C-alpha atoms as a PDB file:
ATOM      1  CA  MET A   1      17.001  57.728 -18.010  1.00  0.00           C
ATOM      2  CA  THR A   2      18.262  54.624 -20.092  1.00  0.00           C
ATOM      3  CA  ALA A   3      19.990  53.455 -16.830  1.00  0.00           C
ATOM      4  CA  PHE A   4      16.648  53.724 -15.047  1.00  0.00           C
ATOM      5  CA  ILE A   5      15.056  51.462 -17.908  1.00  0.00           C
ATOM      6  CA  MET A   6      17.656  48.884 -17.927  1.00  0.00           C
ATOM      7  CA  PHE A   7      17.299  48.434 -13.995  1.00  0.00           C
ATOM      8  CA  VAL A   8      13.636  48.128 -14.311  1.00  0.00           C
ATOM      9  CA  PHE A   9      14.154  45.655 -17.194  1.00  0.00           C
ATOM     10  CA  LEU A  10      16.879  43.933 -14.945  1.00  0.00           C
ATOM     11  CA  LEU A  11      14.436  43.930 -12.228  1.00  0.00           C
ATOM     12  CA  PHE A  12      11.596  42.598 -14.513  1.00  0.00           C
ATOM     13  CA  LEU A  13      13.991  39.708 -15.587  1.00  0.00           C
ATOM     14  CA  ILE A  14      14.767  38.687 -11.977  1.00  0.00           C
ATOM     15  CA  GLY A  15      11.103  38.892 -11.155  1.00  0.00           C
ATOM     16  CA  ALA A  16      10.220  36.927 -14.247  1.00  0.00           C
ATOM     17  CA  ALA A  17      13.083  34.185 -13.559  1.00  0.00           C
ATOM     18  CA  VAL A  18      11.769  33.696  -9.916  1.00  0.00           C
ATOM     19  CA  ALA A  19       8.075  33.607 -11.056  1.00  0.00           C
ATOM     20  CA  TRP A  20       9.292  30.892 -13.804  1.00  0.00           C
ATOM     21  CA  PHE A  21      11.309  28.692 -11.145  1.00  0.00           C
ATOM     22  CA  GLY A  22       8.474  29.021  -8.545  1.00  0.00           C
ATOM     23  CA  LEU A  23       6.168  27.883 -11.054  1.00  0.00           C
ATOM     24  CA  ILE A  24       8.391  24.658 -12.330  1.00  0.00           C
ATOM     25  CA  LEU A  25       8.704  23.944  -8.481  1.00  0.00           C
ATOM     26  CA  TYR A  26       5.133  24.160  -7.936  1.00  0.00           C
ATOM     27  CA  ASN A  27       4.276  21.952 -10.808  1.00  0.00           C
ATOM     28  CA  GLY A  28       6.989  19.432  -9.853  1.00  0.00           C
ATOM     29  CA  LEU A  29       5.574  19.266  -6.163  1.00  0.00           C
ATOM     30  CA  VAL A  30       2.022  18.530  -7.579  1.00  0.00           C
ATOM     31  CA  ALA A  31       3.615  15.945  -9.786  1.00  0.00           C
ATOM     32  CA  VAL A  32       5.053  14.192  -6.706  1.00  0.00           C
ATOM     33  CA  LYS A  33       1.877  14.555  -4.848  1.00  0.00           C
ATOM     34  CA  HIS A  34      -0.199  12.729  -7.736  1.00  0.00           C
ATOM     35  CA  ALA A  35       2.663  10.188  -7.844  1.00  0.00           C
ATOM     36  CA  VAL A  36       1.752   8.820  -4.455  1.00  0.00           C
ATOM     37  CA  ASP A  37      -1.766   9.184  -5.196  1.00  0.00           C
ATOM     38  CA  GLN A  38      -1.465   6.686  -8.114  1.00  0.00           C
ATOM     39  CA  ALA A  39       0.779   4.338  -6.590  1.00  0.00           C
ATOM     40  CA  TYR A  40      -1.899   4.143  -3.863  1.00  0.00           C
ATOM     41  CA  ALA A  41      -4.519   3.609  -6.443  1.00  0.00           C
ATOM     42  CA  ASN A  42      -2.431   0.880  -8.053  1.00  0.00           C
ATOM     43  CA  ILE A  43      -2.347  -1.045  -4.731  1.00  0.00           C
ATOM     44  CA  ASP A  44      -6.026  -0.301  -4.124  1.00  0.00           C
ATOM     45  CA  VAL A  45      -6.911  -2.115  -7.282  1.00  0.00           C
ATOM     46  CA  LEU A  46      -4.948  -5.304  -6.609  1.00  0.00           C
ATOM     47  CA  LEU A  47      -6.264  -4.990  -2.900  1.00  0.00           C
ATOM     48  CA  LYS A  48      -9.851  -5.054  -4.547  1.00  0.00           C
ATOM     49  CA  GLN A  49      -9.116  -7.865  -6.431  1.00  0.00           C
ATOM     50  CA  ARG A  50      -7.803 -10.016  -3.668  1.00  0.00           C
ATOM     51  CA  HIS A  51     -10.813  -9.051  -1.330  1.00  0.00           C
ATOM     52  CA  ASP A  52     -12.932 -10.367  -4.249  1.00  0.00           C
ATOM     53  CA  GLU A  53     -10.986 -13.700  -4.255  1.00  0.00           C
ATOM     54  CA  LEU A  54     -11.074 -13.952  -0.360  1.00  0.00           C
ATOM     55  CA  PRO A  55     -14.517 -15.262   0.249  1.00  0.00           C
ATOM     56  CA  LYS A  56     -14.062 -17.972  -2.292  1.00  0.00           C
ATOM     57  CA  LEU A  57     -10.636 -19.004  -0.907  1.00  0.00           C
ATOM     58  CA  ILE A  58     -12.296 -19.086   2.618  1.00  0.00           C
ATOM     59  CA  ASP A  59     -15.163 -21.035   1.571  1.00  0.00           C
ATOM     60  CA  THR A  60     -13.040 -23.610  -0.289  1.00  0.00           C
ATOM     61  CA  VAL A  61     -11.049 -24.149   2.848  1.00  0.00           C
ATOM     62  CA  ARG A  62     -13.458 -23.900   5.559  1.00  0.00           C
ATOM     63  CA  SER A  63     -14.799 -27.470   4.940  1.00  0.00           C
ATOM     64  CA  TYR A  64     -11.277 -28.776   5.041  1.00  0.00           C
ATOM     65  CA  MET A  65      -9.709 -26.852   8.102  1.00  0.00           C
ATOM     66  CA  VAL A  66     -12.047 -27.903  11.154  1.00  0.00           C
ATOM     67  CA  TYR A  67      -9.299 -26.487  13.651  1.00  0.00           C
ATOM     68  CA  GLU A  68      -8.721 -23.115  11.860  1.00  0.00           C
ATOM     69  CA  ARG A  69     -11.543 -21.570  12.545  1.00  0.00           C
ATOM     70  CA  ASP A  70      -9.896 -18.916  14.473  1.00  0.00           C
ATOM     71  CA  LEU A  71      -7.771 -17.862  11.735  1.00  0.00           C
ATOM     72  CA  LEU A  72     -10.640 -17.921   9.325  1.00  0.00           C
ATOM     73  CA  GLU A  73     -12.532 -15.674  11.233  1.00  0.00           C
ATOM     74  CA  ARG A  74      -9.521 -13.397  11.853  1.00  0.00           C
ATOM     75  CA  ILE A  75      -9.201 -13.123   8.191  1.00  0.00           C
ATOM     76  CA  VAL A  76     -12.838 -12.320   7.489  1.00  0.00           C
ATOM     77  CA  LYS A  77     -12.575  -9.435  10.409  1.00  0.00           C
ATOM     78  CA  LEU A  78      -9.235  -8.241   8.832  1.00  0.00           C
ATOM     79  CA  ARG A  79     -10.902  -8.208   5.322  1.00  0.00           C
ATOM     80  CA  THR A  80     -13.966  -6.020   6.726  1.00  0.00           C
ATOM     81  CA  GLN A  81     -11.747  -3.924   8.601  1.00  0.00           C
ATOM     82  CA  ALA A  82      -9.617  -2.890   5.674  1.00  0.00           C
ATOM     83  CA  ALA A  83     -12.674  -2.444   3.485  1.00  0.00           C
ATOM     84  CA  ALA A  84     -14.034   0.130   6.145  1.00  0.00           C
ATOM     85  CA  ALA A  85     -10.867   2.096   6.704  1.00  0.00           C
ATOM     86  CA  THR A  86     -11.406   5.670   6.111  1.00  0.00           C
ATOM     87  CA  THR A  87      -7.916   6.875   5.459  1.00  0.00           C
ATOM     88  CA  PRO A  88      -5.068   5.211   3.298  1.00  0.00           C
ATOM     89  CA  ASP A  89      -2.884   4.883   6.265  1.00  0.00           C
ATOM     90  CA  ALA A  90      -5.350   3.092   8.372  1.00  0.00           C
ATOM     91  CA  ARG A  91      -6.223   0.625   5.078  1.00  0.00           C
ATOM     92  CA  LEU A  92      -2.578   0.120   4.549  1.00  0.00           C
ATOM     93  CA  GLN A  93      -2.358  -1.220   8.104  1.00  0.00           C
ATOM     94  CA  ALA A  94      -5.287  -3.398   8.060  1.00  0.00           C
ATOM     95  CA  GLU A  95      -4.122  -4.920   4.674  1.00  0.00           C
ATOM     96  CA  ALA A  96      -0.736  -5.553   6.180  1.00  0.00           C
ATOM     97  CA  GLN A  97      -2.384  -7.635   9.307  1.00  0.00           C
ATOM     98  CA  LEU A  98      -4.375  -9.437   6.376  1.00  0.00           C
ATOM     99  CA  SER A  99      -1.592 -10.363   4.346  1.00  0.00           C
ATOM    100  CA  GLY A 100       0.170 -11.748   7.422  1.00  0.00           C
ATOM    101  CA  SER A 101      -3.025 -13.863   8.181  1.00  0.00           C
ATOM    102  CA  LEU A 102      -3.082 -14.993   4.720  1.00  0.00           C
ATOM    103  CA  GLY A 103       0.265 -16.077   4.709  1.00  0.00           C
ATOM    104  CA  ARG A 104      -0.590 -18.443   7.716  1.00  0.00           C
ATOM    105  CA  LEU A 105      -3.435 -19.532   6.174  1.00  0.00           C
ATOM    106  CA  LEU A 106      -1.673 -20.828   3.128  1.00  0.00           C
ATOM    107  CA  ALA A 107       1.198 -22.134   5.127  1.00  0.00           C
ATOM    108  CA  VAL A 108      -1.589 -24.065   7.553  1.00  0.00           C
ATOM    109  CA  ALA A 109      -2.963 -25.690   3.945  1.00  0.00           C
ATOM    110  CA  GLU A 110      -0.017 -27.598   3.724  1.00  0.00           C
ATOM    111  CA  ASN A 111      -1.061 -29.821   6.319  1.00  0.00           C
ATOM    112  CA  TYR A 112      -4.441 -30.668   4.641  1.00  0.00           C
ATOM    113  CA  PRO A 113      -3.693 -33.249   1.727  1.00  0.00           C
ATOM    114  CA  ASP A 114      -7.012 -33.413   0.508  1.00  0.00           C
ATOM    115  CA  LEU A 115      -7.273 -29.589   0.356  1.00  0.00           C
ATOM    116  CA  LYS A 116      -3.889 -29.322  -1.699  1.00  0.00           C
ATOM    117  CA  ALA A 117      -5.362 -31.786  -4.019  1.00  0.00           C
ATOM    118  CA  ASN A 118      -8.520 -29.719  -4.504  1.00  0.00           C
ATOM    119  CA  GLN A 119      -8.311 -27.946  -7.958  1.00  0.00           C
ATOM    120  CA  ASN A 120     -10.499 -25.225  -7.114  1.00  0.00           C
ATOM    121  CA  PHE A 121      -8.310 -24.577  -3.801  1.00  0.00           C
ATOM    122  CA  LEU A 122      -5.168 -24.604  -5.955  1.00  0.00           C
ATOM    123  CA  GLN A 123      -6.216 -22.237  -8.461  1.00  0.00           C
ATOM    124  CA  LEU A 124      -7.512 -19.850  -5.684  1.00  0.00           C
ATOM    125  CA  GLN A 125      -4.093 -20.191  -3.696  1.00  0.00           C
ATOM    126  CA  GLY A 126      -2.443 -19.404  -7.083  1.00  0.00           C
ATOM    127  CA  ARG A 127      -4.296 -16.488  -7.709  1.00  0.00           C
ATOM    128  CA  VAL A 128      -4.240 -14.866  -4.258  1.00  0.00           C
ATOM    129  CA  SER A 129      -0.410 -15.549  -4.300  1.00  0.00           C
ATOM    130  CA  ALA A 130       0.208 -14.051  -7.510  1.00  0.00           C
ATOM    131  CA  LEU A 131      -2.016 -11.273  -5.974  1.00  0.00           C
ATOM    132  CA  GLU A 132       0.306 -10.945  -3.182  1.00  0.00           C
ATOM    133  CA  GLU A 133       3.363 -10.889  -4.827  1.00  0.00           C
ATOM    134  CA  GLN A 134       1.881  -7.795  -7.334  1.00  0.00           C
ATOM    135  CA  ILE A 135       1.031  -6.120  -4.033  1.00  0.00           C
ATOM    136  CA  ALA A 136       4.484  -6.364  -2.605  1.00  0.00           C
ATOM    137  CA  HIS A 137       5.650  -4.800  -5.781  1.00  0.00           C
ATOM    138  CA  ARG A 138       3.193  -2.025  -5.896  1.00  0.00           C
ATOM    139  CA  ARG A 139       4.189  -1.351  -2.213  1.00  0.00           C
ATOM    140  CA  GLU A 140       7.752  -0.739  -3.076  1.00  0.00           C
ATOM    141  CA  PHE A 141       6.630   1.872  -5.732  1.00  0.00           C
ATOM    142  CA  TYR A 142       4.037   3.530  -3.297  1.00  0.00           C
ATOM    143  CA  ASN A 143       7.150   3.699  -0.779  1.00  0.00           C
ATOM    144  CA  GLU A 144       9.110   5.067  -3.242  1.00  0.00           C
ATOM    145  CA  ALA A 145       6.625   7.795  -4.249  1.00  0.00           C
ATOM    146  CA  VAL A 146       5.853   8.387  -0.556  1.00  0.00           C
ATOM    147  CA  ASN A 147       9.714   9.065   0.033  1.00  0.00           C
ATOM    148  CA  ILE A 148       9.994  11.605  -2.673  1.00  0.00           C
ATOM    149  CA  ASN A 149       7.041  13.133  -1.229  1.00  0.00           C
ATOM    150  CA  ASN A 150       8.087  13.504   2.293  1.00  0.00           C
ATOM    151  CA  VAL A 151      11.733  14.568   1.333  1.00  0.00           C
ATOM    152  CA  ARG A 152      10.325  17.230  -1.198  1.00  0.00           C
ATOM    153  CA  MET A 153       8.296  18.396   1.521  1.00  0.00           C
ATOM    154  CA  GLU A 154      11.200  19.199   3.892  1.00  0.00           C
ATOM    155  CA  GLN A 155      13.825  20.388   1.508  1.00  0.00           C
ATOM    156  CA  MET A 156      14.283  24.025   0.755  1.00  0.00           C
ATOM    157  CA  PRO A 157      12.540  25.873  -1.602  1.00  0.00           C
ATOM    158  CA  GLY A 158      10.281  23.128  -1.830  1.00  0.00           C
ATOM    159  CA  ALA A 159       8.842  23.386   1.740  1.00  0.00           C
ATOM    160  CA  LEU A 160       7.929  26.657   1.114  1.00  0.00           C
ATOM    161  CA  LEU A 161       5.566  25.679  -1.698  1.00  0.00           C
ATOM    162  CA  ALA A 162       4.423  22.298  -0.310  1.00  0.00           C
ATOM    163  CA  PRO A 163       1.512  23.546   1.514  1.00  0.00           C
ATOM    164  CA  ALA A 164       0.280  25.502  -1.563  1.00  0.00           C
ATOM    165  CA  ALA A 165       0.509  22.497  -3.652  1.00  0.00           C
ATOM    166  CA  GLY A 166      -1.360  20.054  -1.244  1.00  0.00           C
ATOM    167  CA  LEU A 167       1.543  18.084  -0.208  1.00  0.00           C
ATOM    168  CA  ARG A 168       1.061  16.672   3.262  1.00  0.00           C
ATOM    169  CA  ARG A 169       3.421  14.042   5.136  1.00  0.00           C
ATOM    170  CA  ARG A 170       2.496  10.461   4.003  1.00  0.00           C
ATOM    171  CA  GLU A 171       3.375   7.377   5.840  1.00  0.00           C
ATOM    172  CA  LEU A 172       5.423   4.691   4.229  1.00  0.00           C
ATOM    173  CA  PHE A 173       4.007   1.276   3.971  1.00  0.00           C
ATOM    174  CA  GLN A 174       5.434  -0.781   6.839  1.00  0.00           C
ATOM    175  CA  ALA A 175       5.027  -4.619   7.148  1.00  0.00           C
ATOM    176  CA  SER A 176       2.838  -5.416  10.312  1.00  0.00           C
ATOM    177  CA  SER A 177       4.048  -7.579  13.330  1.00  0.00           C
ATOM    178  CA  ASP A 178       2.144 -10.452  12.001  1.00  0.00           C
ATOM    179  CA  GLU A 179       4.192 -10.202   8.621  1.00  0.00           C
ATOM    180  CA  ARG A 180       7.288 -10.082  10.490  1.00  0.00           C
ATOM    181  CA  ALA A 181       6.600 -12.911  12.877  1.00  0.00           C
ATOM    182  CA  ASP A 182       7.908 -16.547  11.574  1.00  0.00           C
ATOM    183  CA  VAL A 183       5.390 -18.834  10.848  1.00  0.00           C
ATOM    184  CA  VAL A 184       5.293 -21.781  13.294  1.00  0.00           C
ATOM    185  CA  ILE A 185       2.788 -24.498  11.599  1.00  0.00           C
ATOM    186  CA  GLY A 186       2.598 -26.640  14.706  1.00  0.00           C
ATOM    187  CA  ASP A 187       1.206 -23.576  16.709  1.00  0.00           C
ATOM    188  CA  ALA A 188      -1.122 -22.145  13.857  1.00  0.00           C
ATOM    189  CA  LEU A 189      -2.625 -25.928  13.742  1.00  0.00           C
ATOM    190  CA  LYS A 190      -4.043 -25.606  17.315  1.00  0.00           C
ATOM    191  CA  ILE A 191      -5.114 -29.360  17.138  1.00  0.00           C
ATOM    192  CA  PRO A 192      -7.021 -30.354  20.255  1.00  0.00           C
ATOM    193  CA  ALA A 193      -5.563 -33.351  22.274  1.00  0.00           C
END
């Protein structure tokens, strides 16, 4: 009888250890999921600030940049697309294109001495540049969190509990082709002959 009690007690301890391990694993997966969500939310805060600054920057630039109408319209269109995106992946893709266009706008602005001397433009340019730098840093944290999320989803035994913890594969933030392209100032100006 004592051997039977010891056997039952041993089974109980093994079951409790497995349950404890499962609980710790599940909580770790939930923490990973929330880390990704938090990293995205941190980017979102900065993107909102950038979206608030863009109309002011465009209004300031518009009166100086007669030949950049297409670029300004593209920025307005991309800002609208980003704001209307329904998924985080679509939003990040639209924001990446917007970042590339903003970079071109600021590069093209170098060819307008009166604009470069405008205090309002300089302040807005500084603010947008600072936001872009902060967004780049937050994207690194986001990608790190997404990578941890995706790895944990594929590793065993996490793969068994990942769906129960609400984990789903997330896409890494990747720079758009606009952001990867070299900025050629002469081509961007499109000055009519």
